């Protein structure tokens, strides 16, 4: 084959490709418009889906998860449809075939991403917490804000945003402090050795139960017990329940009121709360303790 014949074939091939491209231009323009409209429409569909789902369930996490799933699924269908309109349906077919054939390879290459995504699906439908629950996951303590496909967001009480991979949540123990709103707290108060312990327990229990915000039922009973014998005090442990979804603020405010009321009722009933006694010992031939006063 001569050089002229080769050039002629290349020229004919380029002309054919160009003509084919020109024939596809209307389809390509239409496909671009379909993709643009599809992306805009996906936001509308996602919003409508969330509103519809929220009527059936008041769970914002499931609503958000299903809304995003519908949105991304719709976008994928729009792209496949646009490729077919543009006469590039074989690209979509090839992409889907390649995706299926390479699923195992991608699974190994993006193991962590896949694991977190599956964990996110599990957490969205069956999970140990809801939005605004106070939880402890590992060493992270805070409020749940969102659950995304790959991670969950917690807001700590000192203002930090922490993003925890969903797979870690599935694997680690999760302590939920506000799932049912009931939370038990305690503190210790010391009375004098000469005081009547039974009287102290009675008046302290009365002060605790009568404090606003304290729950006292058969299931959630408040009580006072002798905890230990200190250097100068008999230590009473006060245990009581509160019902609050605001773990840090609500529970601490109720505890503050309880401590204040217990202090006042002990003083009112003539019960003492002595300070620690410091004992000095003289060893060997030492007869006194020198004390210097600075003027």
Protein backbone atom coordinates (compact mmCIF):
# COMPACT_ATOMS: atom_id res chain seq x y z
CA UNK A 1 0.00 0.00 0.00
CA UNK A 2 1.39 3.33 -1.07
CA UNK A 3 1.67 6.42 1.14
CA UNK A 4 -1.07 8.20 -0.80
CA UNK A 5 -3.47 5.28 -0.31
CA UNK A 6 -2.74 5.24 3.44
CA UNK A 7 -3.34 8.97 3.74
CA UNK A 8 -6.53 8.63 1.74
CA UNK A 9 -7.84 5.93 4.09
CA UNK A 10 -6.98 8.06 7.14
CA UNK A 11 -8.74 11.01 5.55
CA UNK A 12 -11.85 8.97 4.82
CA UNK A 13 -11.85 7.60 8.39
CA UNK A 14 -11.60 11.10 9.88
CA UNK A 15 -14.39 12.32 7.60
CA UNK A 16 -16.58 9.40 8.67
CA UNK A 17 -15.89 10.08 12.37
CA UNK A 18 -16.58 13.77 11.88
CA UNK A 19 -19.84 13.10 10.06
CA UNK A 20 -20.84 10.62 12.76
CA UNK A 21 -20.02 13.23 15.43
CA UNK A 22 -22.12 15.85 13.60
CA UNK A 23 -24.99 13.38 13.45
CA UNK A 24 -24.70 12.86 17.21
CA UNK A 25 -24.52 16.57 18.10
CA UNK A 26 -28.32 17.01 18.55
CA UNK A 27 -28.38 13.89 20.73
CA UNK A 28 -25.37 15.08 22.75
CA UNK A 29 -26.91 18.52 23.33
CA UNK A 30 -30.17 16.87 24.37
CA UNK A 31 -28.26 14.50 26.66
CA UNK A 32 -26.46 17.41 28.36
CA UNK A 33 -29.78 19.15 28.91
CA UNK A 34 -31.26 15.94 30.33
CA UNK A 35 -28.33 15.58 32.76
CA UNK A 36 -28.62 19.22 33.91
CA UNK A 37 -32.38 18.94 34.35
CA UNK A 38 -31.92 15.57 36.02
CA UNK A 39 -29.57 17.00 38.64
CA UNK A 40 -31.98 19.86 39.33
CA UNK A 41 -34.94 17.50 39.44
CA UNK A 42 -33.10 15.12 41.76
CA UNK A 43 -33.01 17.79 44.47
CA UNK A 44 -36.75 18.33 44.11
CA UNK A 45 -37.44 14.57 44.20
CA UNK A 46 -35.16 14.18 47.24
CA UNK A 47 -37.01 16.97 49.06
CA UNK A 48 -40.43 15.51 48.22
CA UNK A 49 -39.25 12.02 49.23
CA UNK A 50 -38.02 13.27 52.60
CA UNK A 51 -41.33 15.00 53.29
CA UNK A 52 -43.29 11.90 52.29
CA UNK A 53 -41.09 9.57 54.34
CA UNK A 54 -41.19 11.91 57.35
CA UNK A 55 -44.99 11.48 57.41
CA UNK A 56 -44.56 7.74 57.84
CA UNK A 57 -41.70 7.97 60.33
CA UNK A 58 -40.55 10.73 62.64
CA UNK A 59 -37.00 9.40 62.52
CA UNK A 60 -34.83 12.08 60.83
CA UNK A 61 -31.93 9.68 60.27
CA UNK A 62 -33.94 7.20 58.20
CA UNK A 63 -35.63 10.11 56.38
CA UNK A 64 -32.26 11.62 55.47
CA UNK A 65 -30.75 8.26 54.44
CA UNK A 66 -33.66 7.22 52.20
CA UNK A 67 -33.88 10.71 50.71
CA UNK A 68 -30.23 10.61 49.64
CA UNK A 69 -30.56 7.03 48.34
CA UNK A 70 -33.50 8.04 46.12
CA UNK A 71 -31.61 11.12 44.91
CA UNK A 72 -28.43 9.27 43.90
CA UNK A 73 -30.42 6.42 42.35
CA UNK A 74 -32.38 8.90 40.23
CA UNK A 75 -29.18 10.68 39.11
CA UNK A 76 -27.67 7.35 38.00
CA UNK A 77 -30.76 6.50 35.93
CA UNK A 78 -30.70 9.98 34.33
CA UNK A 79 -27.04 9.59 33.30
CA UNK A 80 -27.68 6.15 31.76
CA UNK A 81 -30.72 7.50 29.89
CA UNK A 82 -28.74 10.54 28.65
CA UNK A 83 -25.97 8.32 27.29
CA UNK A 84 -28.52 6.31 25.31
CA UNK A 85 -30.12 9.49 23.95
CA UNK A 86 -26.67 10.66 22.83
CA UNK A 87 -26.15 7.37 21.01
CA UNK A 88 -23.58 6.28 23.58
CA UNK A 89 -25.64 3.54 25.12
CA UNK A 90 -22.76 1.14 24.66
CA UNK A 91 -20.75 3.24 27.14
CA UNK A 92 -23.43 2.79 29.80
CA UNK A 93 -23.66 -0.92 29.06
CA UNK A 94 -19.90 -1.29 29.17
CA UNK A 95 -19.72 0.70 32.40
CA UNK A 96 -22.31 -1.48 34.11
CA UNK A 97 -20.63 -4.64 32.85
CA UNK A 98 -17.23 -3.46 33.99
CA UNK A 99 -18.66 -2.41 37.35
CA UNK A 100 -20.13 -5.85 37.87
CA UNK A 101 -16.97 -7.63 36.79
CA UNK A 102 -14.73 -5.45 38.94
CA UNK A 103 -16.98 -5.43 42.02
CA UNK A 104 -14.74 -7.86 43.85
CA UNK A 105 -11.56 -5.92 42.99
CA UNK A 106 -13.16 -2.62 44.01
CA UNK A 107 -14.43 -4.24 47.17
CA UNK A 108 -10.90 -5.17 48.21
CA UNK A 109 -9.42 -1.84 47.10
CA UNK A 110 -12.05 0.22 48.93
CA UNK A 111 -12.74 -2.14 51.78
CA UNK A 112 -13.01 0.56 54.42
CA UNK A 113 -15.37 2.71 52.32
CA UNK A 114 -17.63 -0.27 51.60
CA UNK A 115 -17.55 -1.36 55.22
CA UNK A 116 -18.50 2.11 56.45
CA UNK A 117 -21.28 2.38 53.85
CA UNK A 118 -22.84 -0.96 54.86
CA UNK A 119 -22.48 0.00 58.52
CA UNK A 120 -24.25 3.28 57.75
CA UNK A 121 -27.16 1.37 56.20
CA UNK A 122 -27.40 -0.85 59.29
CA UNK A 123 -27.27 2.12 61.66
CA UNK A 124 -29.95 3.97 59.71
CA UNK A 125 -32.49 1.17 60.19
CA UNK A 126 -31.38 -0.47 63.43
CA UNK A 127 -29.15 1.61 65.68
CA UNK A 128 -28.46 2.32 69.34
CA UNK A 129 -29.19 6.07 69.23
CA UNK A 130 -31.19 8.89 67.67
CA UNK A 131 -30.36 12.47 66.74
CA UNK A 132 -29.54 14.58 69.85
CA UNK A 133 -29.00 11.52 72.03
CA UNK A 134 -26.02 11.81 74.36
CA UNK A 135 -23.69 8.86 73.74
CA UNK A 136 -20.25 7.57 74.57
CA UNK A 137 -18.52 5.76 71.69
CA UNK A 138 -15.00 4.67 72.52
CA UNK A 139 -13.53 7.74 74.21
CA UNK A 140 -15.78 10.24 72.39
CA UNK A 141 -18.60 11.67 74.51
CA UNK A 142 -21.18 14.00 72.98
CA UNK A 143 -24.48 14.50 71.16
CA UNK A 144 -25.38 12.71 67.92
CA UNK A 145 -25.94 15.21 65.11
CA UNK A 146 -26.08 13.21 61.85
CA UNK A 147 -25.53 9.77 60.33
CA UNK A 148 -24.09 9.88 56.83
CA UNK A 149 -23.21 7.04 54.43
CA UNK A 150 -19.63 6.76 55.73
CA UNK A 151 -19.54 8.42 59.13
CA UNK A 152 -21.59 9.73 62.02
CA UNK A 153 -21.11 13.21 63.48
CA UNK A 154 -20.97 13.88 67.22
CA UNK A 155 -20.79 17.26 68.93
CA UNK A 156 -18.80 17.11 72.16
CA UNK A 157 -19.76 19.26 75.13
CA UNK A 158 -16.63 21.37 74.73
CA UNK A 159 -17.70 22.34 71.20
CA UNK A 160 -15.70 19.94 69.00
CA UNK A 161 -17.17 18.17 65.96
CA UNK A 162 -16.09 14.52 65.80
CA UNK A 163 -16.65 12.31 62.74
CA UNK A 164 -16.64 8.62 63.65
CA UNK A 165 -16.50 5.94 60.89
CA UNK A 166 -19.72 3.92 60.95
CA UNK A 167 -17.79 0.65 61.07
CA UNK A 168 -16.25 1.74 64.39
CA UNK A 169 -19.72 2.36 65.82
CA UNK A 170 -20.83 -1.13 64.81
CA UNK A 171 -17.76 -2.72 66.42
CA UNK A 172 -17.51 -0.68 69.63
CA UNK A 173 -19.81 -0.57 72.67
CA UNK A 174 -22.17 2.40 72.54
CA UNK A 175 -23.32 3.93 75.84
CA UNK A 176 -26.57 5.87 75.39
CA UNK A 177 -27.22 8.25 78.28
CA UNK A 178 -30.56 9.61 77.09
CA UNK A 179 -32.35 6.86 75.17
CA UNK A 180 -35.30 6.82 77.59
CA UNK A 181 -34.56 10.16 79.27
CA UNK A 182 -33.81 8.62 82.69
CA UNK A 183 -30.43 9.19 84.23
CA UNK A 184 -29.13 8.34 87.70
CA UNK A 185 -26.52 10.44 89.42
CA UNK A 186 -25.02 10.52 92.91
CA UNK A 187 -22.85 12.44 95.33
CA UNK A 188 -21.41 11.96 98.81
CA UNK A 189 -22.07 14.05 101.91
CA UNK A 190 -20.36 13.63 105.29
CA UNK A 191 -22.01 13.98 108.73
CA UNK A 192 -20.49 14.05 112.19
CA UNK A 193 -19.81 10.77 114.01
CA UNK A 194 -22.07 11.91 116.86
CA UNK A 195 -25.03 12.60 114.55
CA UNK A 196 -28.00 10.27 114.18
CA UNK A 197 -27.45 8.38 110.92
CA UNK A 198 -31.07 7.26 110.55
CA UNK A 199 -32.30 10.83 110.99
CA UNK A 200 -29.75 12.07 108.46
CA UNK A 201 -30.82 9.46 105.90
CA UNK A 202 -34.48 10.34 106.44
CA UNK A 203 -34.16 14.11 106.05
CA UNK A 204 -31.72 13.82 103.11
CA UNK A 205 -34.09 11.46 101.29
CA UNK A 206 -36.95 13.87 101.90
CA UNK A 207 -34.91 16.80 100.53
CA UNK A 208 -33.92 14.83 97.44
CA UNK A 209 -37.42 13.59 96.59
CA UNK A 210 -38.95 17.04 97.00
CA UNK A 211 -36.44 18.67 94.64
CA UNK A 212 -37.95 19.69 91.30
CA UNK A 213 -36.71 17.47 88.45
CA UNK A 214 -36.06 14.39 90.60
CA UNK A 215 -37.91 11.18 89.70
CA UNK A 216 -38.94 8.83 92.53
CA UNK A 217 -40.92 5.77 91.40
CA UNK A 218 -40.79 2.05 92.10
CA UNK A 219 -38.59 1.55 89.05
CA UNK A 220 -36.46 4.63 89.63
CA UNK A 221 -36.10 4.87 93.39
CA UNK A 222 -34.05 7.49 95.20
CA UNK A 223 -32.20 6.32 98.30
CA UNK A 224 -29.42 7.18 100.74
CA UNK A 225 -26.89 4.67 102.07
CA UNK A 226 -23.88 4.73 104.39
CA UNK A 227 -20.98 4.63 101.97
CA UNK A 228 -17.86 4.76 104.14
CA UNK A 229 -16.29 5.94 107.38
CA UNK A 230 -14.01 8.89 106.76
CA UNK A 231 -11.35 10.50 108.92
CA UNK A 232 -13.83 12.85 110.57
CA UNK A 233 -17.19 12.04 108.95
CA UNK A 234 -19.64 9.26 108.28
CA UNK A 235 -20.06 9.47 104.50
CA UNK A 236 -23.56 9.09 103.08
CA UNK A 237 -24.01 8.32 99.39
CA UNK A 238 -27.06 9.98 97.84
CA UNK A 239 -28.44 8.35 94.68
CA UNK A 240 -31.33 9.80 92.69
CA UNK A 241 -32.90 9.81 89.21
CA UNK A 242 -33.66 12.63 86.82
CA UNK A 243 -35.60 12.62 83.57
CA UNK A 244 -33.98 14.83 80.99
CA UNK A 245 -32.81 14.64 77.40
CA UNK A 246 -30.29 17.40 78.12
CA UNK A 247 -27.73 15.16 79.85
CA UNK A 248 -25.06 17.73 80.61
CA UNK A 249 -27.21 20.75 81.35
CA UNK A 250 -30.44 19.31 82.68
CA UNK A 251 -28.93 16.61 84.90
CA UNK A 252 -26.29 18.93 86.34
CA UNK A 253 -28.84 21.64 87.11
CA UNK A 254 -31.02 19.16 89.01
CA UNK A 255 -27.97 17.81 90.85
CA UNK A 256 -27.00 21.35 91.85
CA UNK A 257 -30.47 21.92 93.35
CA UNK A 258 -30.35 18.57 95.19
CA UNK A 259 -26.95 19.30 96.76
CA UNK A 260 -28.13 22.74 97.87
CA UNK A 261 -31.34 21.35 99.41
CA UNK A 262 -29.47 18.55 101.20
CA UNK A 263 -27.02 21.04 102.73
CA UNK A 264 -29.85 23.29 103.94
CA UNK A 265 -31.92 20.46 105.47
CA UNK A 266 -28.90 19.02 107.33
CA UNK A 267 -28.19 22.42 108.89
CA UNK A 268 -31.90 22.93 109.66
CA UNK A 269 -32.03 19.64 111.59
CA UNK A 270 -28.89 20.33 113.58
CA UNK A 271 -26.73 17.83 111.70
CA UNK A 272 -23.09 18.76 111.24
CA UNK A 273 -20.85 18.48 108.18
CA UNK A 274 -17.40 18.74 109.77
CA UNK A 275 -14.20 19.40 107.90
CA UNK A 276 -11.42 16.81 107.81
CA UNK A 277 -9.46 16.53 111.05
CA UNK A 278 -5.68 16.78 110.79
CA UNK A 279 -3.79 14.75 113.42
CA UNK A 280 -0.26 15.69 114.54
CA UNK A 281 1.91 13.10 116.31
CA UNK A 282 5.03 13.70 118.44
CA UNK A 283 7.71 11.04 118.14
CA UNK A 284 10.65 10.09 120.41
CA UNK A 285 11.76 12.95 122.68
CA UNK A 286 9.83 15.69 120.93
CA UNK A 287 7.66 17.47 123.55
CA UNK A 288 6.04 20.25 121.54
CA UNK A 289 5.41 21.55 118.04
CA UNK A 290 7.11 24.87 117.28
CA UNK A 291 4.74 27.32 115.67
CA UNK A 292 5.94 30.55 114.10
CA UNK A 293 3.55 33.42 113.51
CA UNK A 294 4.44 35.89 110.81
CA UNK A 295 3.26 39.42 111.50
